[in-house]
N, C-alpha and C. Protein backbone atom coordinates (compact mmCIF):
# COMPACT_ATOMS: atom_id res chain seq x y z
N MET A 1 1.08 -1.31 0.23
CA MET A 1 -0.20 -0.44 0.18
C MET A 1 0.47 1.26 0.14
N PRO A 2 0.32 2.62 -0.82
CA PRO A 2 1.15 3.34 -0.74
C PRO A 2 1.42 4.38 0.69
N ASP A 3 2.66 4.66 1.13
CA ASP A 3 2.69 5.20 2.40
C ASP A 3 2.48 6.87 2.48
N GLY A 4 1.37 7.07 3.39
CA GLY A 4 0.97 8.50 3.44
C GLY A 4 1.67 9.09 3.44
N ALA A 5 2.75 8.69 5.17
CA ALA A 5 3.95 9.56 5.04
C ALA A 5 5.23 10.38 4.19
N HIS A 6 5.43 9.11 3.26
CA HIS A 6 6.43 9.25 2.13
C HIS A 6 5.92 8.91 0.91
N LYS A 7 5.88 10.44 0.16
CA LYS A 7 5.58 10.06 -1.12
C LYS A 7 6.27 8.95 -1.85
N GLY A 8 5.50 8.27 -3.01
CA GLY A 8 6.12 7.09 -3.46
C GLY A 8 6.97 5.96 -3.00
N SER A 9 6.36 6.48 -1.95
CA SER A 9 6.83 4.73 -0.85
C SER A 9 5.90 3.83 -0.75
N PHE A 10 5.96 2.68 -0.44
CA PHE A 10 5.11 1.54 -0.48
C PHE A 10 5.38 0.94 0.92
N VAL A 11 4.61 0.20 1.99
CA VAL A 11 4.41 -0.83 3.06
C VAL A 11 3.97 -1.52 2.77
N GLN A 12 4.46 -2.88 3.27
CA GLN A 12 3.82 -4.10 3.71
C GLN A 12 2.79 -3.92 4.49
N ALA A 13 1.17 -3.61 3.95
CA ALA A 13 0.09 -3.30 5.42
C ALA A 13 -0.96 -3.90 4.19
N TYR A 14 -2.27 -3.83 4.92
CA TYR A 14 -3.69 -4.37 4.61
C TYR A 14 -4.55 -3.62 5.06
N ASN A 15 -5.98 -3.78 4.32
CA ASN A 15 -6.60 -2.69 4.99
C ASN A 15 -8.37 -3.35 5.24
N ALA A 16 -8.64 -4.09 6.57
CA ALA A 16 -9.38 -4.83 7.14
C ALA A 16 -10.63 -4.20 6.87
N GLN A 17 -11.65 -4.89 6.71
CA GLN A 17 -13.09 -4.33 6.92
C GLN A 17 -14.08 -5.26 7.43
N VAL A 18 -14.60 -4.87 8.52
CA VAL A 18 -15.66 -6.07 9.23
C VAL A 18 -17.37 -4.87 9.25
N ALA A 19 -18.04 -5.41 9.35
CA ALA A 19 -19.50 -5.93 9.39
C ALA A 19 -20.04 -5.89 10.71
N VAL A 20 -20.47 -5.39 11.67
CA VAL A 20 -21.12 -6.09 12.76
C VAL A 20 -22.57 -5.66 12.83
N ASP A 21 -23.12 -6.94 13.22
CA ASP A 21 -24.95 -6.67 13.64
C ASP A 21 -25.03 -6.52 14.89
N SER A 22 -25.49 -5.29 14.61
CA SER A 22 -25.41 -4.34 16.17
C SER A 22 -26.42 -5.13 16.88
N ALA A 23 -27.48 -5.28 16.82
CA ALA A 23 -28.63 -6.05 17.55
C ALA A 23 -27.65 -7.29 18.43
N ALA A 24 -27.08 -8.32 17.27
CA ALA A 24 -26.47 -9.26 18.12
C ALA A 24 -25.27 -8.93 18.56
N GLN A 25 -24.59 -7.94 17.96
CA GLN A 25 -22.97 -8.05 18.43
C GLN A 25 -21.95 -9.01 17.90
N ILE A 26 -22.39 -9.27 16.63
CA ILE A 26 -21.52 -10.45 16.00
C ILE A 26 -20.87 -9.63 14.82
N ILE A 27 -19.90 -10.19 14.48
CA ILE A 27 -19.54 -9.89 13.40
C ILE A 27 -19.81 -11.22 12.12
N VAL A 28 -20.32 -10.14 11.00
CA VAL A 28 -21.34 -11.25 9.88
C VAL A 28 -20.39 -10.84 8.57
N ALA A 29 -19.34 -10.20 8.49
CA ALA A 29 -18.90 -10.29 6.77
C ALA A 29 -17.32 -9.20 7.69
N ALA A 30 -16.21 -10.25 6.87
CA ALA A 30 -15.17 -9.61 7.40
C ALA A 30 -13.99 -10.24 5.89
N GLU A 31 -13.17 -9.11 5.35
CA GLU A 31 -12.00 -8.84 4.26
C GLU A 31 -11.33 -8.51 4.39
N ILE A 32 -10.34 -8.90 3.94
CA ILE A 32 -8.77 -8.02 4.05
C ILE A 32 -8.15 -7.17 2.72
N THR A 33 -8.11 -6.05 2.55
CA THR A 33 -7.80 -5.93 0.98
C THR A 33 -6.22 -5.47 1.07
N GLN A 34 -5.76 -4.93 0.02
CA GLN A 34 -4.47 -4.21 -0.37
C GLN A 34 -5.22 -2.83 -0.70
N GLN A 35 -6.36 -2.46 -0.95
CA GLN A 35 -6.21 -1.18 -1.58
C GLN A 35 -6.19 -0.36 -0.23
N ALA A 36 -6.19 1.09 -0.44
CA ALA A 36 -5.60 2.23 0.21
C ALA A 36 -6.75 2.40 0.84
N ASN A 37 -7.99 2.41 0.37
CA ASN A 37 -8.80 3.73 0.51
C ASN A 37 -10.09 2.72 0.70
N ASP A 38 -11.21 3.09 1.58
CA ASP A 38 -12.31 2.05 1.11
C ASP A 38 -13.57 2.34 0.10
N LYS A 39 -13.32 3.32 -0.65
CA LYS A 39 -14.03 3.54 -1.36
C LYS A 39 -14.57 2.60 -2.05
N GLN A 40 -14.22 1.62 -2.20
CA GLN A 40 -14.50 0.56 -3.23
C GLN A 40 -14.95 -0.68 -2.34
N GLN A 41 -15.30 -0.77 -0.93
CA GLN A 41 -15.63 -1.82 -0.11
C GLN A 41 -16.96 -1.72 0.05
N LEU A 42 -17.62 -0.96 0.20
CA LEU A 42 -19.14 -1.29 0.91
C LEU A 42 -20.21 -1.93 -0.02
N VAL A 43 -20.27 -1.86 -1.42
CA VAL A 43 -20.79 -2.66 -1.94
C VAL A 43 -20.72 -4.38 -2.02
N PRO A 44 -18.74 -4.52 -1.96
CA PRO A 44 -18.80 -5.89 -1.61
C PRO A 44 -18.98 -6.56 -0.26
N MET A 45 -18.70 -5.61 1.08
CA MET A 45 -19.23 -5.64 2.35
C MET A 45 -20.55 -6.27 2.86
N LEU A 46 -21.31 -5.21 1.68
CA LEU A 46 -22.83 -5.36 2.20
C LEU A 46 -22.89 -6.75 1.38
N GLN A 47 -22.67 -7.17 -0.08
CA GLN A 47 -22.62 -8.44 -0.35
C GLN A 47 -22.45 -9.48 0.47
N GLN A 48 -21.22 -9.57 0.70
CA GLN A 48 -20.84 -10.82 1.89
C GLN A 48 -21.70 -10.67 2.98
N VAL A 49 -22.28 -9.78 3.40
CA VAL A 49 -23.35 -9.93 4.70
C VAL A 49 -24.77 -10.35 4.34
N ILE A 50 -25.11 -10.10 2.85
CA ILE A 50 -26.45 -10.81 2.10
C ILE A 50 -26.13 -11.86 2.18
N GLU A 51 -24.84 -12.45 1.72
CA GLU A 51 -24.56 -14.06 1.80
C GLU A 51 -24.44 -14.46 2.50
N ASN A 52 -23.97 -14.30 3.92
CA ASN A 52 -23.74 -14.77 4.79
C ASN A 52 -24.99 -15.04 6.32
N VAL A 53 -25.63 -14.04 5.55
CA VAL A 53 -26.95 -14.06 7.23
C VAL A 53 -28.01 -14.23 5.94
N ASN A 54 -28.11 -14.61 4.89
CA ASN A 54 -28.75 -15.30 3.76
C ASN A 54 -29.95 -13.75 3.78
N GLY A 55 -29.98 -12.66 3.94
CA GLY A 55 -30.33 -11.71 3.24
C GLY A 55 -30.13 -10.53 3.15
N LYS A 56 -30.66 -9.60 3.16
CA LYS A 56 -30.45 -7.79 3.20
C LYS A 56 -30.58 -7.19 4.25
N PRO A 57 -29.80 -6.85 4.67
CA PRO A 57 -29.74 -5.77 5.83
C PRO A 57 -30.68 -4.63 6.00
N GLN A 58 -31.52 -4.25 6.93
CA GLN A 58 -32.30 -3.55 6.59
C GLN A 58 -31.52 -1.91 6.61
N VAL A 59 -30.44 -1.62 7.30
CA VAL A 59 -29.82 0.04 7.63
C VAL A 59 -28.73 -0.47 7.55
N ALA A 60 -27.44 0.27 7.31
CA ALA A 60 -26.36 -0.06 7.28
C ALA A 60 -25.86 1.29 7.62
N SER A 61 -24.63 1.58 7.84
CA SER A 61 -23.71 2.65 8.01
C SER A 61 -22.19 2.44 8.21
N ALA A 62 -21.99 4.05 7.73
CA ALA A 62 -20.72 3.82 7.24
C ALA A 62 -19.82 5.23 7.34
N ASP A 63 -18.33 4.94 7.87
CA ASP A 63 -17.69 6.13 7.63
C ASP A 63 -17.70 7.21 6.41
N THR A 64 -17.23 8.33 6.48
CA THR A 64 -16.98 9.10 5.36
C THR A 64 -16.29 8.42 3.89
N GLY A 65 -14.91 7.39 4.71
CA GLY A 65 -14.12 7.28 4.06
C GLY A 65 -14.61 6.04 2.96
N TYR A 66 -16.13 5.44 3.05
CA TYR A 66 -16.43 4.40 2.31
C TYR A 66 -17.57 5.12 1.15
N TRP A 67 -17.71 6.99 1.06
CA TRP A 67 -18.73 7.26 0.17
C TRP A 67 -17.76 6.89 -1.03
N SER A 68 -18.89 7.13 -1.79
CA SER A 68 -18.64 6.75 -3.60
C SER A 68 -20.27 6.73 -4.34
N ALA A 69 -19.87 8.15 -4.31
CA ALA A 69 -21.42 8.37 -5.38
C ALA A 69 -21.80 7.41 -6.22
N ALA A 70 -20.80 6.96 -7.22
CA ALA A 70 -21.02 5.83 -8.15
C ALA A 70 -21.60 4.77 -7.39
N GLN A 71 -21.20 3.96 -5.76
CA GLN A 71 -21.55 3.31 -5.66
C GLN A 71 -22.59 3.31 -4.89
N ARG A 72 -23.49 4.36 -4.48
CA ARG A 72 -24.70 4.34 -4.14
C ARG A 72 -25.74 4.00 -4.53
N HIS A 73 -25.33 4.16 -5.77
CA HIS A 73 -26.85 3.63 -7.23
C HIS A 73 -26.62 2.13 -7.60
N ARG A 74 -25.68 1.49 -6.89
CA ARG A 74 -25.60 0.08 -7.01
C ARG A 74 -27.04 -0.66 -7.00
N GLY A 75 -27.44 -1.51 -7.89
CA GLY A 75 -28.84 -2.15 -7.60
C GLY A 75 -28.85 -3.02 -6.80
N SER A 76 -27.32 -3.90 -6.60
CA SER A 76 -27.67 -4.55 -4.84
C SER A 76 -27.37 -3.70 -3.50
N LEU A 77 -27.78 -2.39 -3.33
CA LEU A 77 -28.10 -1.94 -2.27
C LEU A 77 -29.55 -1.33 -2.19
N GLN A 78 -30.22 -1.65 -3.49
CA GLN A 78 -31.93 -0.98 -3.00
C GLN A 78 -32.18 -1.77 -2.11
N GLY A 79 -32.87 -0.78 -1.44
CA GLY A 79 -33.43 -1.36 -0.36
C GLY A 79 -32.97 -1.55 0.79
N ILE A 80 -31.82 -0.91 1.22
CA ILE A 80 -30.86 -1.15 2.36
C ILE A 80 -30.91 0.59 2.60
N ASP A 81 -31.13 1.07 4.44
CA ASP A 81 -31.69 2.20 4.22
C ASP A 81 -30.11 3.14 4.71
N LEU A 82 -29.42 3.06 3.54
CA LEU A 82 -27.59 3.28 4.25
C LEU A 82 -27.59 4.81 4.80
N HIS A 83 -26.47 4.89 5.55
CA HIS A 83 -26.18 5.76 6.12
C HIS A 83 -24.86 6.37 6.09
N VAL A 84 -24.31 6.79 5.27
CA VAL A 84 -22.74 7.02 4.92
C VAL A 84 -22.49 8.57 4.84
N ALA A 85 -21.62 9.10 5.53
CA ALA A 85 -21.26 10.45 5.82
C ALA A 85 -20.79 10.88 4.19
N THR A 86 -21.02 11.98 3.36
CA THR A 86 -20.34 12.12 2.42
C THR A 86 -19.27 13.41 2.14
N GLU A 87 -18.72 13.84 3.61
CA GLU A 87 -17.72 15.11 3.49
C GLU A 87 -17.12 14.39 5.06
N ARG A 88 -15.67 15.35 5.00
CA ARG A 88 -15.21 15.24 6.68
C ARG A 88 -15.84 16.64 7.12
N GLN A 89 -16.17 16.25 8.48
CA GLN A 89 -16.32 17.93 9.14
C GLN A 89 -15.01 17.30 10.24
N GLN A 90 -14.53 18.75 10.46
CA GLN A 90 -13.28 19.37 10.95
C GLN A 90 -13.57 19.35 12.50
N HIS A 91 -12.83 18.86 13.53
CA HIS A 91 -13.54 18.67 14.89
C HIS A 91 -13.42 19.69 15.12
N GLY A 92 -14.69 20.42 15.88
CA GLY A 92 -15.22 21.65 16.78
C GLY A 92 -15.35 22.65 15.48
N GLU A 93 -15.65 22.07 13.93
CA GLU A 93 -16.44 23.06 13.13
C GLU A 93 -17.84 22.59 13.76
N SER A 94 -18.60 23.83 13.15
CA SER A 94 -20.37 23.52 13.23
C SER A 94 -20.74 23.62 12.22
N ARG A 95 -22.21 22.96 11.39
CA ARG A 95 -22.84 23.20 10.75
C ARG A 95 -24.24 23.58 10.95
N THR A 96 -24.26 24.56 9.90
CA THR A 96 -25.91 24.98 9.99
C THR A 96 -27.03 24.30 8.76
N PHE A 97 -27.80 23.40 9.05
CA PHE A 97 -28.91 22.89 7.89
C PHE A 97 -29.60 24.03 7.89
N PRO A 98 -30.10 23.93 6.84
CA PRO A 98 -31.51 24.54 6.12
C PRO A 98 -32.56 24.17 7.02
């Protein structure tokens, strides 16, 4: 994976993903990748959840690192109430919503 501290350098590292059932408090899917960010991981993780529990989750949440407008419209996500932050907010920064 690219080393964020040193441009052009790489480190031996992995990116771990995990999905947890909030009610049962158990891991329902897990994956290890060498992709540096999570943007392409939301759909594969939710597909793995669907396969592992034999059904779609009603609701899914993820941090802004998973946000990708292209993935939002994937057919496999239809019917899931998806909560993913679309942008980062700095600590102490306040927002006014209309």
